[in-house]
Amino acid sequence: MSAVTALTIPATSSRRGFVGVSSAGSGDGAPLGRSARHGRTHRPCSRARALALTVVDLTFALLAVGALVVLTTIAGVVFRRRQGRARTVASAEAVDPGLVGAERLGTEATLVQFSTEICSRCPGVRRILTQAADAHRGVVYVDVDLTHRPDLAQHFRVLQTPTTLVLDRRGVVRTRFSGTIERDAVESELTRLQKESSHA
């Protein structure tokens, strides 16, 4: 019978060969790293930073919306104030009656209205202008439909309808109205032109 010699291998205490149980109770025996030990302390900071950035973005968005509302309101007020106001035109061009589809111009003044088929405010302005023309001797009313004459919109720089031009007895554009107008404003311009022609 052969003798069996038992060899005893001493356990080593080196860090490389150590196999143990981690303090967290994991079974792989690997020691916990620094990031793992401190993971719970970093998460609240990250969430707080993300929440702060969200609040800042929301604040900027609200400020942008508020600024846009203010600018839109101001633009609307300015636009409404310009509606129906007489604006003097410095022009030396005498309008040819055939250019606007008229047989003749008025001996005292001519009211030229630029309209379109889909213009909802044009009928009201047309009614005011025709009444004003009928009330003054030598005043002719001309209605130009830009739907079929878009070239005239560019020629007379018409940006909206209705637009009304007041021509003197020579056919020169003296006054421009944009949008809806009041009867008194038209009467005032016609009276002024008639006074000028009487003193000429």
C-alpha atoms as a PDB file:
ATOM      1  CA  MET A   1       0.000   0.000   0.000  1.00  0.00           C
ATOM      2  CA  SER A   2       1.436   3.270  -1.096  1.00  0.00           C
ATOM      3  CA  ALA A   3       1.577   6.148   1.259  1.00  0.00           C
ATOM      4  CA  VAL A   4      -0.404   9.289   0.396  1.00  0.00           C
ATOM      5  CA  THR A   5       1.449  12.410   1.190  1.00  0.00           C
ATOM      6  CA  ALA A   6      -0.835  15.330   2.036  1.00  0.00           C
ATOM      7  CA  LEU A   7       0.367  18.685   0.891  1.00  0.00           C
ATOM      8  CA  THR A   8      -0.879  21.688   2.730  1.00  0.00           C
ATOM      9  CA  ILE A   9      -0.983  24.925   0.727  1.00  0.00           C
ATOM     10  CA  PRO A  10      -0.861  27.892   3.044  1.00  0.00           C
ATOM     11  CA  ALA A  11      -3.426  30.550   2.476  1.00  0.00           C
ATOM     12  CA  THR A  12      -2.054  33.785   1.131  1.00  0.00           C
ATOM     13  CA  SER A  13      -3.062  37.111   2.466  1.00  0.00           C
ATOM     14  CA  SER A  14      -2.202  39.098  -0.668  1.00  0.00           C
ATOM     15  CA  ARG A  15      -4.881  41.449  -1.982  1.00  0.00           C
ATOM     16  CA  ARG A  16      -4.686  39.878  -5.447  1.00  0.00           C
ATOM     17  CA  GLY A  17      -5.666  36.409  -4.286  1.00  0.00           C
ATOM     18  CA  PHE A  18      -8.201  37.413  -1.679  1.00  0.00           C
ATOM     19  CA  VAL A  19     -11.729  36.261  -2.217  1.00  0.00           C
ATOM     20  CA  GLY A  20     -14.239  37.534   0.271  1.00  0.00           C
ATOM     21  CA  VAL A  21     -17.714  38.928   0.698  1.00  0.00           C
ATOM     22  CA  SER A  22     -18.378  42.598   0.062  1.00  0.00           C
ATOM     23  CA  SER A  23     -19.824  44.755   2.741  1.00  0.00           C
ATOM     24  CA  ALA A  24     -22.978  45.181   0.687  1.00  0.00           C
ATOM     25  CA  GLY A  25     -23.533  41.452   0.705  1.00  0.00           C
ATOM     26  CA  SER A  26     -22.787  40.837  -2.994  1.00  0.00           C
ATOM     27  CA  GLY A  27     -21.644  37.381  -3.865  1.00  0.00           C
ATOM     28  CA  ASP A  28     -18.931  38.295  -6.368  1.00  0.00           C
ATOM     29  CA  GLY A  29     -16.473  39.214  -3.687  1.00  0.00           C
ATOM     30  CA  ALA A  30     -15.354  42.418  -5.413  1.00  0.00           C
ATOM     31  CA  PRO A  31     -14.848  45.355  -3.074  1.00  0.00           C
ATOM     32  CA  LEU A  32     -17.126  48.348  -3.539  1.00  0.00           C
ATOM     33  CA  GLY A  33     -15.601  51.195  -5.569  1.00  0.00           C
ATOM     34  CA  ARG A  34     -15.604  54.862  -4.627  1.00  0.00           C
ATOM     35  CA  SER A  35     -18.328  55.746  -7.117  1.00  0.00           C
ATOM     36  CA  ALA A  36     -20.555  52.966  -5.809  1.00  0.00           C
ATOM     37  CA  ARG A  37     -20.092  54.068  -2.204  1.00  0.00           C
ATOM     38  CA  HIS A  38     -20.982  57.651  -3.022  1.00  0.00           C
ATOM     39  CA  GLY A  39     -23.635  57.069  -5.737  1.00  0.00           C
ATOM     40  CA  ARG A  40     -26.537  58.053  -3.544  1.00  0.00           C
ATOM     41  CA  THR A  41     -25.029  61.416  -2.677  1.00  0.00           C
ATOM     42  CA  HIS A  42     -24.654  62.464  -6.400  1.00  0.00           C
ATOM     43  CA  ARG A  43     -28.210  61.671  -7.557  1.00  0.00           C
ATOM     44  CA  PRO A  44     -29.998  64.396  -5.551  1.00  0.00           C
ATOM     45  CA  CYS A  45     -27.546  67.004  -6.873  1.00  0.00           C
ATOM     46  CA  SER A  46     -28.140  65.938 -10.463  1.00  0.00           C
ATOM     47  CA  ARG A  47     -31.893  66.047 -10.038  1.00  0.00           C
ATOM     48  CA  ALA A  48     -31.734  69.484  -8.414  1.00  0.00           C
ATOM     49  CA  ARG A  49     -29.562  70.799 -11.250  1.00  0.00           C
ATOM     50  CA  ALA A  50     -31.960  69.414 -13.875  1.00  0.00           C
ATOM     51  CA  LEU A  51     -34.915  70.952 -12.044  1.00  0.00           C
ATOM     52  CA  ALA A  52     -33.165  74.329 -11.912  1.00  0.00           C
ATOM     53  CA  LEU A  53     -32.451  74.234 -15.639  1.00  0.00           C
ATOM     54  CA  THR A  54     -36.081  73.364 -16.342  1.00  0.00           C
ATOM     55  CA  VAL A  55     -37.268  76.329 -14.277  1.00  0.00           C
ATOM     56  CA  VAL A  56     -34.866  78.666 -16.111  1.00  0.00           C
ATOM     57  CA  ASP A  57     -36.028  77.401 -19.522  1.00  0.00           C
ATOM     58  CA  LEU A  58     -39.666  77.844 -18.510  1.00  0.00           C
ATOM     59  CA  THR A  59     -38.972  81.386 -17.294  1.00  0.00           C
ATOM     60  CA  PHE A  60     -37.312  82.357 -20.569  1.00  0.00           C
ATOM     61  CA  ALA A  61     -40.196  80.815 -22.527  1.00  0.00           C
ATOM     62  CA  LEU A  62     -42.760  82.822 -20.530  1.00  0.00           C
ATOM     63  CA  LEU A  63     -40.757  86.021 -21.009  1.00  0.00           C
ATOM     64  CA  ALA A  64     -40.554  85.396 -24.770  1.00  0.00           C
ATOM     65  CA  VAL A  65     -44.299  84.798 -24.998  1.00  0.00           C
ATOM     66  CA  GLY A  66     -44.994  87.932 -22.972  1.00  0.00           C
ATOM     67  CA  ALA A  67     -42.715  90.038 -25.173  1.00  0.00           C
ATOM     68  CA  LEU A  68     -44.425  88.670 -28.283  1.00  0.00           C
ATOM     69  CA  VAL A  69     -47.859  89.562 -26.907  1.00  0.00           C
ATOM     70  CA  VAL A  70     -46.718  93.097 -26.090  1.00  0.00           C
ATOM     71  CA  LEU A  71     -45.212  93.615 -29.550  1.00  0.00           C
ATOM     72  CA  THR A  72     -48.332  92.247 -31.231  1.00  0.00           C
ATOM     73  CA  THR A  73     -50.538  94.562 -29.180  1.00  0.00           C
ATOM     74  CA  ILE A  74     -48.423  97.602 -30.040  1.00  0.00           C
ATOM     75  CA  ALA A  75     -48.422  96.698 -33.728  1.00  0.00           C
ATOM     76  CA  GLY A  76     -52.206  96.300 -33.644  1.00  0.00           C
ATOM     77  CA  VAL A  77     -52.676  99.697 -31.997  1.00  0.00           C
ATOM     78  CA  VAL A  78     -50.416 101.400 -34.526  1.00  0.00           C
ATOM     79  CA  PHE A  79     -52.200  99.657 -37.404  1.00  0.00           C
ATOM     80  CA  ARG A  80     -55.641 100.711 -36.156  1.00  0.00           C
ATOM     81  CA  ARG A  81     -54.523 104.304 -35.703  1.00  0.00           C
ATOM     82  CA  ARG A  82     -53.352 104.450 -39.297  1.00  0.00           C
ATOM     83  CA  GLN A  83     -56.642 103.104 -40.596  1.00  0.00           C
ATOM     84  CA  GLY A  84     -58.740 105.778 -42.249  1.00  0.00           C
ATOM     85  CA  ARG A  85     -56.229 108.565 -41.733  1.00  0.00           C
ATOM     86  CA  ALA A  86     -55.476 110.916 -44.609  1.00  0.00           C
ATOM     87  CA  ARG A  87     -51.864 110.733 -45.708  1.00  0.00           C
ATOM     88  CA  THR A  88     -50.504 113.410 -48.006  1.00  0.00           C
ATOM     89  CA  VAL A  89     -48.785 112.084 -51.120  1.00  0.00           C
ATOM     90  CA  ALA A  90     -45.975 113.971 -52.803  1.00  0.00           C
ATOM     91  CA  SER A  91     -46.446 113.005 -56.427  1.00  0.00           C
ATOM     92  CA  ALA A  92     -46.190 114.822 -59.733  1.00  0.00           C
ATOM     93  CA  GLU A  93     -47.659 112.020 -61.855  1.00  0.00           C
ATOM     94  CA  ALA A  94     -50.960 112.806 -63.549  1.00  0.00           C
ATOM     95  CA  VAL A  95     -53.037 109.627 -63.635  1.00  0.00           C
ATOM     96  CA  ASP A  96     -54.378 108.699 -67.066  1.00  0.00           C
ATOM     97  CA  PRO A  97     -58.132 107.964 -66.841  1.00  0.00           C
ATOM     98  CA  GLY A  98     -57.721 104.906 -69.047  1.00  0.00           C
ATOM     99  CA  LEU A  99     -55.178 103.451 -66.612  1.00  0.00           C
ATOM    100  CA  VAL A 100     -57.834 103.092 -63.905  1.00  0.00           C
ATOM    101  CA  GLY A 101     -60.614 102.215 -66.354  1.00  0.00           C
ATOM    102  CA  ALA A 102     -62.394 105.565 -66.221  1.00  0.00           C
ATOM    103  CA  GLU A 103     -63.807 107.513 -69.132  1.00  0.00           C
ATOM    104  CA  ARG A 104     -62.818 110.797 -67.571  1.00  0.00           C
ATOM    105  CA  LEU A 105     -61.621 112.360 -64.328  1.00  0.00           C
ATOM    106  CA  GLY A 106     -63.485 114.878 -62.241  1.00  0.00           C
ATOM    107  CA  THR A 107     -63.148 118.560 -63.025  1.00  0.00           C
ATOM    108  CA  GLU A 108     -62.592 119.246 -59.329  1.00  0.00           C
ATOM    109  CA  ALA A 109     -61.428 115.930 -57.867  1.00  0.00           C
ATOM    110  CA  THR A 110     -61.533 112.175 -58.408  1.00  0.00           C
ATOM    111  CA  LEU A 111     -61.981 109.456 -55.787  1.00  0.00           C
ATOM    112  CA  VAL A 112     -60.266 106.206 -56.826  1.00  0.00           C
ATOM    113  CA  GLN A 113     -60.994 103.153 -54.685  1.00  0.00           C
ATOM    114  CA  PHE A 114     -58.935  99.961 -55.020  1.00  0.00           C
ATOM    115  CA  SER A 115     -60.903  96.864 -54.049  1.00  0.00           C
ATOM    116  CA  THR A 116     -60.918  93.091 -54.457  1.00  0.00           C
ATOM    117  CA  GLU A 117     -63.700  90.564 -54.786  1.00  0.00           C
ATOM    118  CA  ILE A 118     -63.049  89.120 -51.330  1.00  0.00           C
ATOM    119  CA  CYS A 119     -62.714  92.481 -49.556  1.00  0.00           C
ATOM    120  CA  SER A 120     -65.346  92.627 -46.802  1.00  0.00           C
ATOM    121  CA  ARG A 121     -64.783  96.299 -45.949  1.00  0.00           C
ATOM    122  CA  CYS A 122     -64.863  97.574 -49.520  1.00  0.00           C
ATOM    123  CA  PRO A 123     -68.682  97.855 -49.900  1.00  0.00           C
ATOM    124  CA  GLY A 124     -68.909 100.196 -46.907  1.00  0.00           C
ATOM    125  CA  VAL A 125     -66.131 102.425 -48.250  1.00  0.00           C
ATOM    126  CA  ARG A 126     -67.735 102.376 -51.714  1.00  0.00           C
ATOM    127  CA  ARG A 127     -70.987 103.638 -50.241  1.00  0.00           C
ATOM    128  CA  ILE A 128     -69.239 106.509 -48.424  1.00  0.00           C
ATOM    129  CA  LEU A 129     -67.260 107.558 -51.493  1.00  0.00           C
ATOM    130  CA  THR A 130     -70.227 107.492 -53.864  1.00  0.00           C
ATOM    131  CA  GLN A 131     -72.258 109.618 -51.454  1.00  0.00           C
ATOM    132  CA  ALA A 132     -69.394 112.094 -51.124  1.00  0.00           C
ATOM    133  CA  ALA A 133     -68.951 112.284 -54.901  1.00  0.00           C
ATOM    134  CA  ASP A 134     -72.679 112.880 -55.416  1.00  0.00           C
ATOM    135  CA  ALA A 135     -72.649 115.678 -52.853  1.00  0.00           C
ATOM    136  CA  HIS A 136     -69.868 117.652 -54.600  1.00  0.00           C
ATOM    137  CA  ARG A 137     -70.055 119.062 -58.100  1.00  0.00           C
ATOM    138  CA  GLY A 138     -67.188 118.076 -60.354  1.00  0.00           C
ATOM    139  CA  VAL A 139     -66.169 115.019 -58.278  1.00  0.00           C
ATOM    140  CA  VAL A 140     -66.034 111.585 -59.934  1.00  0.00           C
ATOM    141  CA  TYR A 141     -65.862 108.201 -58.187  1.00  0.00           C
ATOM    142  CA  VAL A 142     -63.886 105.330 -59.770  1.00  0.00           C
ATOM    143  CA  ASP A 143     -63.773 101.754 -58.434  1.00  0.00           C
ATOM    144  CA  VAL A 144     -60.798  99.597 -59.488  1.00  0.00           C
ATOM    145  CA  ASP A 145     -60.947  95.828 -58.898  1.00  0.00           C
ATOM    146  CA  LEU A 146     -57.383  94.664 -58.291  1.00  0.00           C
ATOM    147  CA  THR A 147     -58.475  91.049 -58.699  1.00  0.00           C
ATOM    148  CA  HIS A 148     -58.280  91.556 -62.445  1.00  0.00           C
ATOM    149  CA  ARG A 149     -55.631  94.318 -62.399  1.00  0.00           C
ATOM    150  CA  PRO A 150     -52.806  93.241 -60.087  1.00  0.00           C
ATOM    151  CA  ASP A 151     -50.412  95.444 -62.074  1.00  0.00           C
ATOM    152  CA  LEU A 152     -52.130  98.526 -60.671  1.00  0.00           C
ATOM    153  CA  ALA A 153     -51.467  97.373 -57.124  1.00  0.00           C
ATOM    154  CA  GLN A 154     -47.766  97.532 -57.836  1.00  0.00           C
ATOM    155  CA  HIS A 155     -48.008 100.782 -59.780  1.00  0.00           C
ATOM    156  CA  PHE A 156     -49.853 102.631 -57.020  1.00  0.00           C
ATOM    157  CA  ARG A 157     -48.185 100.701 -54.177  1.00  0.00           C
ATOM    158  CA  VAL A 158     -51.414  99.330 -52.784  1.00  0.00           C
ATOM    159  CA  LEU A 159     -50.679  97.058 -49.813  1.00  0.00           C
ATOM    160  CA  GLN A 160     -54.243  96.499 -48.613  1.00  0.00           C
ATOM    161  CA  THR A 161     -57.827  96.910 -49.680  1.00  0.00           C
ATOM    162  CA  PRO A 162     -59.678  99.106 -49.534  1.00  0.00           C
ATOM    163  CA  THR A 163     -57.245 101.860 -50.451  1.00  0.00           C
ATOM    164  CA  THR A 164     -58.540 105.216 -51.645  1.00  0.00           C
ATOM    165  CA  LEU A 165     -56.679 107.860 -53.631  1.00  0.00           C
ATOM    166  CA  VAL A 166     -57.872 111.434 -53.886  1.00  0.00           C
ATOM    167  CA  LEU A 167     -56.845 113.086 -57.169  1.00  0.00           C
ATOM    168  CA  ASP A 168     -57.004 116.787 -57.838  1.00  0.00           C
ATOM    169  CA  ARG A 169     -58.439 118.323 -61.022  1.00  0.00           C
ATOM    170  CA  ARG A 170     -55.182 117.620 -62.885  1.00  0.00           C
ATOM    171  CA  GLY A 171     -55.309 113.944 -61.965  1.00  0.00           C
ATOM    172  CA  VAL A 172     -52.394 114.130 -59.525  1.00  0.00           C
ATOM    173  CA  VAL A 173     -52.634 111.970 -56.379  1.00  0.00           C
ATOM    174  CA  ARG A 174     -52.849 114.288 -53.386  1.00  0.00           C
ATOM    175  CA  THR A 175     -54.133 112.106 -50.556  1.00  0.00           C
ATOM    176  CA  ARG A 176     -54.200 108.397 -49.680  1.00  0.00           C
ATOM    177  CA  PHE A 177     -56.527 106.561 -47.316  1.00  0.00           C
ATOM    178  CA  SER A 178     -55.758 103.012 -46.163  1.00  0.00           C
ATOM    179  CA  GLY A 179     -58.532 100.791 -44.858  1.00  0.00           C
ATOM    180  CA  THR A 180     -61.925 102.024 -43.768  1.00  0.00           C
ATOM    181  CA  ILE A 181     -62.587 105.757 -43.833  1.00  0.00           C
ATOM    182  CA  GLU A 182     -65.008 108.257 -42.368  1.00  0.00           C
ATOM    183  CA  ARG A 183     -67.260 110.475 -44.438  1.00  0.00           C
ATOM    184  CA  ASP A 184     -65.996 113.592 -42.649  1.00  0.00           C
ATOM    185  CA  ALA A 185     -62.390 112.849 -43.609  1.00  0.00           C
ATOM    186  CA  VAL A 186     -63.325 112.543 -47.285  1.00  0.00           C
ATOM    187  CA  GLU A 187     -65.429 115.706 -47.164  1.00  0.00           C
ATOM    188  CA  SER A 188     -62.512 117.595 -45.606  1.00  0.00           C
ATOM    189  CA  GLU A 189     -60.132 116.575 -48.389  1.00  0.00           C
ATOM    190  CA  LEU A 190     -62.620 117.450 -51.129  1.00  0.00           C
ATOM    191  CA  THR A 191     -63.307 120.843 -49.584  1.00  0.00           C
ATOM    192  CA  ARG A 192     -59.590 121.560 -49.396  1.00  0.00           C
ATOM    193  CA  LEU A 193     -59.051 120.679 -53.060  1.00  0.00           C
ATOM    194  CA  GLN A 194     -62.011 122.763 -54.161  1.00  0.00           C
ATOM    195  CA  LYS A 195     -60.655 125.759 -52.243  1.00  0.00           C
ATOM    196  CA  GLU A 196     -57.283 125.314 -53.905  1.00  0.00           C
ATOM    197  CA  SER A 197     -58.843 125.188 -57.360  1.00  0.00           C
ATOM    198  CA  SER A 198     -60.925 128.301 -56.679  1.00  0.00           C
ATOM    199  CA  HIS A 199     -57.824 130.285 -55.683  1.00  0.00           C
ATOM    200  CA  ALA A 200     -55.801 129.060 -58.649  1.00  0.00           C
END
